[in-house]
Structure formats: structure tokens, C-alpha cells
């Protein structure tokens, strides 16, 4: 096997064998597409998001390692679309869920664990007085929008047009290219502003006076907020009578135990959490000010809001898993680990970028706890083809990394092994820039999820 320089500063290392085969995945894939639209229940996990030379199906995981149905082992990043913060099959969480399942998971009346988790969540979210649980993030963001409309008596929604996703419901999907089946009248009720551009939001308020019910966005995605931007948005919302909603699906329990709102010191009126709240178990939360949240309750004389009333919204095992997850966050300094390991990997990847002359072609983006990467072609333009090539070369070396999102289970050894694979992948990336990508990419490029046609 060829020797390449070890980017961690140690001796030269032998490149892992690039030969991996997926006969079981190849056999199962046609059946998956026959039975399931798109072949997967989440678009981001679909075949069009990965190289052709990639595992099609994962059989099991432990920590940050996964094994596909052909027995190939990988270090995984992305971690269930950022939902698995501690690690796959993390034993204390699994045990907590199992103990609750033995008691039953769904009853005719509420269970005590619902109150326990509500108290635990509200202890870490500043300014929130009440909370309600659901099974996924789309449900709670839509519930937040519904509450804001009821509270304000207004109908329009303002969202940040620079951020990728808030909900699978019509009020948001209508703004995307992939919006077939959504009436135009619904699409027109959602407006867009630009991140870090307070004037673009002010312009919406001026154009639609007294009609905007809420402003909903991530406090921070790939780009950090400029000084005073978030506080300026909150002040503008309060001046114009709109509800400020932070989508904390990604930032919650990664930026800070109290979310990006705690990290940045700006408390919204409502906020939504999920993903890392349950280490992969299906749970999400809507939290906020009592005067707004109470509209979904029984102690007011206003028109009633049908707020997150679902059969499985408070399944006991997911709530127990979340309780244990929060306990581990507090006791084990999980968030600090995510930041530390992300910074370690970023430094090693940036060194590889420099040594392989990829400045301007490959870039690490975001906070260390939530790293993503950008791939560019010979002209410096964003390139799905070069993204596919990079993913392909990582997968050949035992790394699945649609992003570089850390978990508590990523050790120094995992980071170093990943850095070696990145270095080797960057060698191929550089060759593709010099020689043409067609000589190195096997199969078609990946495609963005948000597209109008296949």
C-alpha cells in the first residue's frame, strides 16, 4: 500500500485499502425504491445525496462507528442528521429508554415522566415558562407559527431566506423549489429576509404593516451573527408587534446547553428544539413565554389553539431517553467535547488544505461543534461534482462524512484517522483539479435536495 505523509505530524502511514464492495446494498436498493418513494424516509439520506460507490444501508452503530449490511465499518459524521450527539447505542440512554418501555410507553392519561422532562428542559432554556413535546422538528416549528398567528391575529410569516430548512409543512416548503402540491395562496403568506441584514427585515415590516405574525430563523447557521444583529431583530419584532422564534434544531445542545440563545445572550419569545434533545430518539420541543404558550392550554378565555395534540407526542421511552441525555450533558461536559474535537479536526483538515494547495477550492465552515465543508471547482465555483469526489474518497477510506458534525463518542484516535483519510482524499482532489474530475469520479454527481425536477 502507498505511503502518504501523516497530517498529524507522526510517521508516514499506509493508506487503507480503497477496495470496498457493497453486494447486499446493491441487491436491496431496487427493492427500497420500489417500496419507498425515493428509497429512504428522509431525503437527506437518499441515494442522490451520496456517491454511487457508497454503502446503501446501515445495519448497526456503536459510538461514532457504523457497519453497513455488507459488514464494512466506517467512522460516521453527521450522526443521524445531527441528532445523535452522544453516540449510537449510547448505553445509559438506551437503558433509560428500555426501563421506561418496560413500564409502558403510552397511556390514556399523562405520565409523570412528562413533567420531569418539562422541568429539566425549562431549567436550561432561559426565558421559557412552558414547554410542549412532539416527535419531530417540523411539528414544533409549525406549532410555533400557529401560536404566533393566534397571539398576534396576523397571517404573514417572515423567515430567513439564507438558511436551508425549517419544516416539511406547506408554510415553509412552499418557499422552496421543491414545492409541488402547495397552493400559491399559501406560498404568498411566507416572506423572506436576509441574514445579518436588519434592513431587509425592516423593509418587510414596512411593506406589510400590521400583518407579520412572527420572524422565524436560526440564530446562527454557517455564518455567525454580526454584533447586535440578534438583539436588533428582537427589538424590531417587539417594536412592530411580531413574535420572535428561534429554530434551535441544530444549535440546541451543541452551541451551548441552553442553545444559541444562551450562547449569544438573546432570548426569543418562542424557540424550538429537537435532534440532540434525545440522542437520536424521536423527540422535539416547543418552549416559550407563558402568555403565548398558554393559548394552547385551558386557563384562558381566548379562542383555543390546537397545539401539538398527537397520539405519540409524549411516548415515555423517548422522554426518558431525553432526561438521561440532559443529565449526561450536564455531568460529562458534552458540549465542550464537541467544540474541542471539532477544533482538533478543523486544524488538521486546514493543514491538509494548505499542503495540498487547495486554498479556495476546499473550505471548512461553521463552528467547531457543527462543521460543514464547501467544495469548489477549477473556477472557484461551488461544485456538487467535487463534493461527490471528496465523499467518494472518504468512503473508500472508511469515513462517512456529509458534514463534520461531532459527537461525544469521537475520540482523538477517530479524529486522527479521519484526518489521514482527508489528507489522502485531498491528494485525489488536487489531481482532479489538475487533470479533470472525469478521470477520478466514478458515477454521477450528487444533487441538492431542494430542486424542482429529478
Protein backbone atom coordinates (compact mmCIF):
# COMPACT_ATOMS: atom_id res chain seq x y z
CA UNK A 1 0.00 0.00 0.00
CA UNK A 2 1.16 3.50 -0.77
CA UNK A 3 2.70 5.66 1.94
CA UNK A 4 1.44 9.21 2.48
CA UNK A 5 2.51 11.88 4.93
CA UNK A 6 0.67 11.71 8.21
CA UNK A 7 -1.04 15.10 8.67
CA UNK A 8 -1.00 14.67 12.44
CA UNK A 9 2.77 15.04 12.43
CA UNK A 10 3.68 11.39 13.07
CA UNK A 11 5.39 8.94 10.73
CA UNK A 12 4.10 8.19 7.27
CA UNK A 13 1.04 5.98 7.30
CA UNK A 14 -0.18 3.27 5.00
CA UNK A 15 -3.30 4.27 3.11
CA UNK A 16 -6.22 1.95 3.89
CA UNK A 17 -7.28 -0.29 1.04
CA UNK A 18 -9.71 1.60 -1.21
CA UNK A 19 -11.42 -1.64 -2.21
CA UNK A 20 -14.86 -1.88 -0.63
CA UNK A 21 -17.76 -3.79 -2.05
CA UNK A 22 -21.50 -3.48 -1.43
CA UNK A 23 -23.25 -6.52 -2.96
CA UNK A 24 -26.01 -6.61 -0.35
CA UNK A 25 -26.65 -2.89 -0.71
CA UNK A 26 -26.80 -3.19 -4.49
CA UNK A 27 -29.31 -6.02 -4.20
CA UNK A 28 -31.54 -4.20 -1.71
CA UNK A 29 -31.55 -0.78 -3.36
CA UNK A 30 -34.07 -1.57 -6.17
CA UNK A 31 -36.46 -3.04 -3.61
CA UNK A 32 -36.16 0.06 -1.44
CA UNK A 33 -37.07 2.33 -4.36
CA UNK A 34 -39.98 0.09 -5.32
CA UNK A 35 -41.46 0.21 -1.83
CA UNK A 36 -40.45 3.70 -0.60
CA UNK A 37 -40.64 6.94 -2.65
CA UNK A 38 -37.01 7.98 -3.07
CA UNK A 39 -35.77 4.79 -1.43
CA UNK A 40 -35.49 6.41 2.01
CA UNK A 41 -37.78 8.09 4.52
CA UNK A 42 -35.57 11.19 4.76
CA UNK A 43 -34.44 12.98 1.60
CA UNK A 44 -31.03 13.80 3.06
CA UNK A 45 -30.35 10.06 3.37
CA UNK A 46 -31.29 9.27 -0.24
CA UNK A 47 -29.11 7.75 -2.95
CA UNK A 48 -28.88 11.10 -4.78
CA UNK A 49 -27.06 12.57 -1.77
CA UNK A 50 -24.14 10.12 -1.87
CA UNK A 51 -21.67 8.79 -4.45
CA UNK A 52 -22.57 5.67 -6.36
CA UNK A 53 -19.69 3.91 -4.60
CA UNK A 54 -21.24 4.23 -1.14
CA UNK A 55 -22.92 1.92 1.35
CA UNK A 56 -26.64 1.86 0.75
CA UNK A 57 -27.88 0.69 4.14
CA UNK A 58 -26.52 0.79 7.69
CA UNK A 59 -27.10 -2.24 9.89
CA UNK A 60 -25.84 -1.07 13.27
CA UNK A 61 -23.82 1.58 15.06
CA UNK A 62 -21.80 1.99 18.23
CA UNK A 63 -20.40 5.31 19.32
CA UNK A 64 -19.31 7.10 16.15
CA UNK A 65 -18.72 3.85 14.22
CA UNK A 66 -21.29 2.20 11.96
CA UNK A 67 -21.41 -1.04 9.98
CA UNK A 68 -23.31 -1.47 6.72
CA UNK A 69 -25.22 -4.58 5.66
CA UNK A 70 -22.09 -5.84 3.88
CA UNK A 71 -20.00 -5.71 7.05
CA UNK A 72 -17.97 -2.61 6.13
CA UNK A 73 -17.04 -0.43 9.09
CA UNK A 74 -16.99 3.37 8.96
CA UNK A 75 -16.38 6.33 11.22
CA UNK A 76 -19.51 8.42 10.81
CA UNK A 77 -20.04 12.16 10.90
CA UNK A 78 -23.35 13.90 10.52
CA UNK A 79 -24.59 11.49 13.20
CA UNK A 80 -28.18 10.96 12.14
CA UNK A 81 -28.56 14.47 10.69
CA UNK A 82 -27.02 15.93 13.88
CA UNK A 83 -29.48 14.10 16.16
CA UNK A 84 -27.05 11.63 17.74
CA UNK A 85 -24.91 13.89 19.92
CA UNK A 86 -23.60 11.32 22.40
CA UNK A 87 -23.11 8.36 20.07
CA UNK A 88 -25.00 5.48 18.54
CA UNK A 89 -26.47 2.97 21.01
CA UNK A 90 -25.14 5.06 23.89
CA UNK A 91 -25.75 2.67 26.75
CA UNK A 92 -27.06 4.91 29.57
CA UNK A 93 -29.61 6.46 27.19
CA UNK A 94 -30.65 3.11 25.75
CA UNK A 95 -31.02 1.70 29.27
CA UNK A 96 -33.17 4.63 30.38
CA UNK A 97 -35.46 4.16 27.38
CA UNK A 98 -35.61 0.40 27.98
CA UNK A 99 -36.57 0.82 31.63
CA UNK A 100 -39.40 3.13 30.63
CA UNK A 101 -40.57 0.78 27.88
CA UNK A 102 -40.91 -1.96 30.47
CA UNK A 103 -43.38 0.29 32.32
CA UNK A 104 -45.34 1.11 29.18
CA UNK A 105 -44.86 3.90 26.65
CA UNK A 106 -48.31 5.38 26.03
CA UNK A 107 -51.28 5.67 28.40
CA UNK A 108 -54.76 7.20 28.48
CA UNK A 109 -53.58 9.96 30.86
CA UNK A 110 -50.24 11.81 31.08
CA UNK A 111 -47.24 10.10 32.69
CA UNK A 112 -45.08 11.62 35.42
CA UNK A 113 -42.03 11.49 33.13
CA UNK A 114 -43.67 14.21 31.04
CA UNK A 115 -43.48 16.60 34.00
CA UNK A 116 -39.93 15.53 34.87
CA UNK A 117 -38.65 16.29 31.38
CA UNK A 118 -40.58 19.54 31.15
CA UNK A 119 -38.87 20.74 34.34
CA UNK A 120 -35.46 19.60 33.11
CA UNK A 121 -35.82 21.35 29.75
CA UNK A 122 -37.09 24.60 31.23
CA UNK A 123 -34.17 24.65 33.66
CA UNK A 124 -31.73 25.07 30.77
CA UNK A 125 -33.74 27.33 28.42
CA UNK A 126 -33.64 30.92 29.63
CA UNK A 127 -36.86 32.87 29.49
CA UNK A 128 -39.08 29.89 28.68
CA UNK A 129 -42.00 29.31 31.05
CA UNK A 130 -43.78 26.42 29.35
CA UNK A 131 -42.87 23.58 27.00
CA UNK A 132 -44.70 21.02 24.89
CA UNK A 133 -43.19 17.93 23.28
CA UNK A 134 -43.63 16.37 19.86
CA UNK A 135 -41.85 13.80 17.69
CA UNK A 136 -40.02 15.94 15.13
CA UNK A 137 -38.81 19.44 14.48
CA UNK A 138 -41.23 20.28 11.69
CA UNK A 139 -44.18 19.80 14.02
CA UNK A 140 -42.88 22.19 16.67
CA UNK A 141 -41.83 24.92 14.25
CA UNK A 142 -45.28 24.78 12.67
CA UNK A 143 -46.84 24.88 16.14
CA UNK A 144 -44.76 27.97 16.93
CA UNK A 145 -46.03 29.67 13.78
CA UNK A 146 -49.63 28.76 14.65
CA UNK A 147 -49.25 30.17 18.17
CA UNK A 148 -47.74 33.39 16.82
CA UNK A 149 -50.63 33.85 14.41
CA UNK A 150 -53.18 33.25 17.15
CA UNK A 151 -51.38 35.55 19.59
CA UNK A 152 -50.98 38.44 17.15
CA UNK A 153 -54.10 37.97 15.00
CA UNK A 154 -51.86 38.31 11.93
CA UNK A 155 -51.28 35.98 9.00
CA UNK A 156 -47.84 36.52 7.39
CA UNK A 157 -44.60 34.78 8.35
CA UNK A 158 -41.08 36.15 7.87
CA UNK A 159 -38.25 33.62 7.55
CA UNK A 160 -34.56 33.89 6.76
CA UNK A 161 -34.04 33.08 3.10
CA UNK A 162 -30.35 32.26 3.59
CA UNK A 163 -30.98 29.19 5.74
CA UNK A 164 -31.95 25.79 4.36
CA UNK A 165 -34.83 24.23 6.26
CA UNK A 166 -37.46 24.83 8.93
CA UNK A 167 -40.36 22.43 8.34
CA UNK A 168 -41.92 19.95 5.94
CA UNK A 169 -45.23 21.81 6.25
CA UNK A 170 -46.69 23.94 3.48
CA UNK A 171 -45.93 27.35 5.01
CA UNK A 172 -42.22 26.63 4.52
CA UNK A 173 -41.98 24.10 1.68
CA UNK A 174 -43.99 26.50 -0.45
CA UNK A 175 -40.94 28.79 -0.47
CA UNK A 176 -38.65 26.09 -1.92
CA UNK A 177 -38.12 24.92 -5.50
CA UNK A 178 -39.48 21.51 -4.46
CA UNK A 179 -42.96 22.88 -3.79
CA UNK A 180 -45.29 20.84 -6.00
CA UNK A 181 -48.74 20.36 -4.48
CA UNK A 182 -48.76 23.58 -2.45
CA UNK A 183 -51.29 26.28 -3.46
CA UNK A 184 -49.94 29.66 -4.48
CA UNK A 185 -52.07 31.41 -1.86
CA UNK A 186 -50.12 29.58 0.87
CA UNK A 187 -46.76 30.32 -0.74
CA UNK A 188 -47.56 34.05 -0.74
CA UNK A 189 -48.01 34.11 3.03
CA UNK A 190 -44.35 33.43 3.80
CA UNK A 191 -41.85 36.25 3.25
CA UNK A 192 -38.05 36.14 3.21
CA UNK A 193 -35.38 38.41 4.67
CA UNK A 194 -31.58 38.21 4.57
CA UNK A 195 -29.44 37.07 7.49
CA UNK A 196 -27.25 39.74 9.11
CA UNK A 197 -29.25 42.37 7.20
CA UNK A 198 -31.59 44.10 9.62
CA UNK A 199 -32.78 46.50 6.94
CA UNK A 200 -34.14 43.65 4.80
CA UNK A 201 -36.36 42.64 7.72
CA UNK A 202 -37.35 46.23 8.44
CA UNK A 203 -38.33 46.55 4.79
CA UNK A 204 -40.75 43.61 5.15
CA UNK A 205 -42.38 45.22 8.17
CA UNK A 206 -42.72 48.47 6.21
CA UNK A 207 -44.19 46.75 3.15
CA UNK A 208 -46.68 44.69 5.18
CA UNK A 209 -47.59 46.89 8.16
CA UNK A 210 -49.51 45.11 10.90
CA UNK A 211 -49.54 41.78 9.04
CA UNK A 212 -46.38 39.89 10.07
CA UNK A 213 -47.13 37.49 12.90
CA UNK A 214 -43.63 36.17 13.51
CA UNK A 215 -39.99 36.21 12.49
CA UNK A 216 -38.51 32.71 12.46
CA UNK A 217 -34.90 31.74 11.83
CA UNK A 218 -31.80 30.06 13.24
CA UNK A 219 -29.86 32.41 15.50
CA UNK A 220 -26.77 31.07 13.76
CA UNK A 221 -26.23 28.62 10.93
CA UNK A 222 -22.97 28.56 8.96
CA UNK A 223 -22.31 32.29 9.43
CA UNK A 224 -22.15 33.90 12.89
CA UNK A 225 -24.37 36.90 13.62
CA UNK A 226 -22.80 40.32 13.40
CA UNK A 227 -22.59 42.32 16.63
CA UNK A 228 -26.02 43.48 17.80
CA UNK A 229 -27.84 41.77 14.90
CA UNK A 230 -29.84 39.32 17.01
CA UNK A 231 -30.71 41.91 19.62
CA UNK A 232 -31.66 44.26 16.80
CA UNK A 233 -34.03 41.68 15.34
CA UNK A 234 -35.67 41.18 18.73
CA UNK A 235 -36.07 44.91 19.26
CA UNK A 236 -37.59 45.30 15.80
CA UNK A 237 -40.04 42.45 16.43
CA UNK A 238 -41.17 43.97 19.70
CA UNK A 239 -41.46 47.41 18.12
CA UNK A 240 -43.65 46.03 15.31
CA UNK A 241 -45.66 43.60 17.44
CA UNK A 242 -44.32 40.33 15.99
CA UNK A 243 -43.25 37.16 17.79
CA UNK A 244 -39.56 36.22 17.57
CA UNK A 245 -38.97 32.48 17.11
CA UNK A 246 -35.55 30.83 17.15
CA UNK A 247 -35.23 27.46 15.42
CA UNK A 248 -32.72 25.66 17.66
CA UNK A 249 -32.94 22.24 15.99
CA UNK A 250 -29.22 22.29 15.21
CA UNK A 251 -27.83 24.84 17.66
CA UNK A 252 -29.69 23.46 20.68
CA UNK A 253 -27.33 21.48 22.95
CA UNK A 254 -24.42 22.00 20.53
CA UNK A 255 -23.54 25.69 20.80
CA UNK A 256 -24.42 25.68 24.49
CA UNK A 257 -26.53 23.61 26.84
CA UNK A 258 -29.02 26.48 26.72
CA UNK A 259 -28.82 26.75 22.94
CA UNK A 260 -27.64 29.53 20.65
CA UNK A 261 -29.89 31.95 22.53
CA UNK A 262 -27.81 31.39 25.66
CA UNK A 263 -24.58 31.45 23.67
CA UNK A 264 -25.48 34.81 22.11
CA UNK A 265 -27.41 36.24 25.04
CA UNK A 266 -30.65 36.97 23.18
CA UNK A 267 -33.86 35.31 24.41
CA UNK A 268 -36.65 34.85 21.84
CA UNK A 269 -40.36 34.71 22.61
CA UNK A 270 -40.60 31.11 21.37
CA UNK A 271 -37.96 28.54 20.48
CA UNK A 272 -37.96 25.05 19.04
CA UNK A 273 -35.58 22.21 19.88
CA UNK A 274 -35.10 18.63 18.70
CA UNK A 275 -32.35 16.44 17.23
CA UNK A 276 -29.79 16.41 20.06
CA UNK A 277 -32.54 16.57 22.69
CA UNK A 278 -32.89 12.78 22.67
CA UNK A 279 -29.62 11.43 21.22
CA UNK A 280 -31.49 10.09 18.20
CA UNK A 281 -34.79 9.22 19.86
CA UNK A 282 -37.77 10.94 18.27
CA UNK A 283 -38.43 13.99 20.39
CA UNK A 284 -38.78 17.72 19.81
CA UNK A 285 -39.85 20.62 21.99
CA UNK A 286 -41.60 23.96 21.68
CA UNK A 287 -40.74 26.30 24.55
CA UNK A 288 -41.61 29.88 25.24
CA UNK A 289 -43.29 32.67 27.12
CA UNK A 290 -46.33 31.74 29.17
CA UNK A 291 -48.52 34.47 27.69
CA UNK A 292 -48.11 32.89 24.25
CA UNK A 293 -47.86 29.20 25.15
CA UNK A 294 -50.98 29.31 27.35
CA UNK A 295 -53.12 29.79 24.24
CA UNK A 296 -52.69 26.06 23.71
CA UNK A 297 -53.92 25.32 27.23
CA UNK A 298 -57.05 25.51 29.37
CA UNK A 299 -56.53 28.63 31.52
CA UNK A 300 -57.55 31.46 29.18
CA UNK A 301 -60.69 32.92 27.59
CA UNK A 302 -59.27 33.40 24.08
CA UNK A 303 -60.05 31.20 21.03
CA UNK A 304 -58.42 27.81 21.59
CA UNK A 305 -55.26 26.85 19.68
CA UNK A 306 -54.96 23.19 18.71
CA UNK A 307 -51.38 22.83 19.89
CA UNK A 308 -49.39 19.62 19.32
CA UNK A 309 -52.04 17.14 20.30
CA UNK A 310 -50.69 13.89 18.85
CA UNK A 311 -51.02 10.26 19.85
CA UNK A 312 -47.27 9.69 20.11
CA UNK A 313 -46.14 13.17 21.14
CA UNK A 314 -45.11 12.11 24.65
CA UNK A 315 -44.06 8.49 24.31
CA UNK A 316 -42.44 7.57 27.58
CA UNK A 317 -39.30 5.91 26.27
CA UNK A 318 -38.30 8.97 24.20
CA UNK A 319 -38.88 11.27 27.17
CA UNK A 320 -36.83 9.02 29.45
CA UNK A 321 -34.06 8.95 26.87
CA UNK A 322 -34.12 12.74 26.74
CA UNK A 323 -33.95 13.03 30.52
CA UNK A 324 -30.87 10.83 30.58
CA UNK A 325 -29.33 12.72 27.67
CA UNK A 326 -29.72 16.02 29.50
CA UNK A 327 -28.20 14.51 32.64
CA UNK A 328 -25.14 13.36 30.70
CA UNK A 329 -24.78 16.78 29.05
CA UNK A 330 -24.60 18.38 32.46
CA UNK A 331 -22.30 15.87 34.14
CA UNK A 332 -19.91 14.98 31.32
CA UNK A 333 -19.29 18.39 29.67
CA UNK A 334 -20.51 17.09 26.34
CA UNK A 335 -20.76 20.45 24.59
CA UNK A 336 -17.17 21.30 25.49
CA UNK A 337 -16.07 17.97 23.95
CA UNK A 338 -17.90 18.75 20.71
CA UNK A 339 -16.15 22.09 20.41
CA UNK A 340 -12.73 20.66 21.32
CA UNK A 341 -12.84 17.73 18.90
CA UNK A 342 -14.25 19.88 16.12
CA UNK A 343 -11.41 22.35 16.55
CA UNK A 344 -8.90 19.50 16.50
CA UNK A 345 -10.26 18.15 13.22
CA UNK A 346 -10.57 21.58 11.62
CA UNK A 347 -6.93 22.35 12.34
CA UNK A 348 -5.80 19.08 10.77
CA UNK A 349 -8.04 19.49 7.73
CA UNK A 350 -6.87 23.07 7.20
CA UNK A 351 -3.29 21.83 7.31
CA UNK A 352 -4.14 19.31 4.59
CA UNK A 353 -5.79 22.06 2.53
CA UNK A 354 -2.59 24.08 2.73
CA UNK A 355 -0.21 21.22 1.96
CA UNK A 356 -2.31 20.05 -1.00
CA UNK A 357 -2.72 23.57 -2.40
CA UNK A 358 -6.50 23.55 -2.07
CA UNK A 359 -6.98 27.08 -0.73
CA UNK A 360 -10.04 28.49 -2.47
CA UNK A 361 -11.20 25.01 -3.52
CA UNK A 362 -11.97 23.31 -0.20
CA UNK A 363 -13.13 25.13 2.92
CA UNK A 364 -14.25 24.21 6.41
CA UNK A 365 -17.24 26.31 7.51
CA UNK A 366 -19.09 26.85 10.78
CA UNK A 367 -18.44 26.48 14.48
CA UNK A 368 -16.22 23.59 15.63
CA UNK A 369 -19.25 21.85 17.16
CA UNK A 370 -21.06 21.85 13.80
CA UNK A 371 -18.57 21.85 10.93
CA UNK A 372 -19.57 21.58 7.30
CA UNK A 373 -17.39 21.90 4.21
CA UNK A 374 -17.57 23.65 0.85
CA UNK A 375 -16.15 22.16 -2.36
CA UNK A 376 -15.27 24.27 -5.38
CA UNK A 377 -14.15 23.54 -8.93
CA UNK A 378 -11.27 24.94 -11.00
CA UNK A 379 -13.14 28.24 -11.38
CA UNK A 380 -13.76 28.56 -7.67
CA UNK A 381 -17.50 27.84 -8.03
CA UNK A 382 -19.45 25.61 -5.65
CA UNK A 383 -19.36 22.13 -7.13
CA UNK A 384 -21.53 19.10 -6.42
CA UNK A 385 -19.18 17.03 -8.57
CA UNK A 386 -16.17 17.82 -6.39
CA UNK A 387 -18.29 17.25 -3.29
CA UNK A 388 -19.11 13.81 -4.65
CA UNK A 389 -15.45 13.10 -5.35
CA UNK A 390 -14.47 14.05 -1.82
CA UNK A 391 -17.25 11.93 -0.30
CA UNK A 392 -16.25 9.04 -2.57
CA UNK A 393 -12.61 9.13 -1.50
CA UNK A 394 -13.51 9.37 2.19
CA UNK A 395 -15.89 6.43 1.93
CA UNK A 396 -13.21 4.35 0.23
CA UNK A 397 -11.09 5.02 3.31
CA UNK A 398 -13.76 4.18 5.86
CA UNK A 399 -15.27 7.61 6.60
CA UNK A 400 -18.88 8.70 6.00
CA UNK A 401 -18.91 12.48 6.26
CA UNK A 402 -21.63 14.53 4.53
CA UNK A 403 -20.50 17.05 7.14
CA UNK A 404 -18.02 17.00 10.01
CA UNK A 405 -20.54 17.12 12.84
CA UNK A 406 -19.06 15.76 16.06
CA UNK A 407 -20.44 13.51 18.76
CA UNK A 408 -19.31 12.84 22.31
CA UNK A 409 -18.01 9.47 21.04
CA UNK A 410 -15.47 10.90 18.59
CA UNK A 411 -12.09 10.21 20.20
CA UNK A 412 -8.68 11.64 19.36
CA UNK A 413 -7.93 8.39 17.54
CA UNK A 414 -11.08 8.77 15.42
CA UNK A 415 -10.15 12.36 14.61
CA UNK A 416 -6.59 11.42 13.64
CA UNK A 417 -7.76 8.55 11.44
CA UNK A 418 -10.23 10.90 9.78
CA UNK A 419 -7.53 13.47 9.18
CA UNK A 420 -5.41 10.83 7.43
CA UNK A 421 -8.32 9.91 5.19
CA UNK A 422 -8.99 13.58 4.42
CA UNK A 423 -5.36 14.10 3.51
CA UNK A 424 -5.45 11.18 1.06
CA UNK A 425 -8.78 12.38 -0.35
CA UNK A 426 -7.29 15.83 -0.83
CA UNK A 427 -4.46 14.34 -2.88
CA UNK A 428 -7.08 12.97 -5.28
CA UNK A 429 -8.98 16.28 -5.18
CA UNK A 430 -5.84 18.12 -6.24
CA UNK A 431 -5.27 15.66 -9.09
CA UNK A 432 -8.86 16.13 -10.24
CA UNK A 433 -8.37 19.89 -10.33
CA UNK A 434 -5.20 19.45 -12.42
CA UNK A 435 -6.26 16.56 -14.65
CA UNK A 436 -10.05 16.87 -14.81
CA UNK A 437 -12.60 15.36 -12.49
CA UNK A 438 -13.85 12.78 -15.01
CA UNK A 439 -10.63 10.80 -14.52
CA UNK A 440 -11.33 10.33 -10.82
CA UNK A 441 -15.09 10.48 -10.17
CA UNK A 442 -16.97 7.20 -10.51
CA UNK A 443 -20.60 7.72 -11.48
CA UNK A 444 -22.89 10.73 -11.37
CA UNK A 445 -22.52 13.70 -9.01
CA UNK A 446 -24.80 14.17 -6.01
CA UNK A 447 -27.70 16.62 -6.34
CA UNK A 448 -29.17 19.19 -3.96
CA UNK A 449 -32.34 18.06 -2.20
CA UNK A 450 -34.05 21.36 -2.96
CA UNK A 451 -34.59 21.08 -6.73
CA UNK A 452 -37.75 21.30 -8.81
CA UNK A 453 -37.18 18.23 -11.03
CA UNK A 454 -35.26 14.99 -10.63
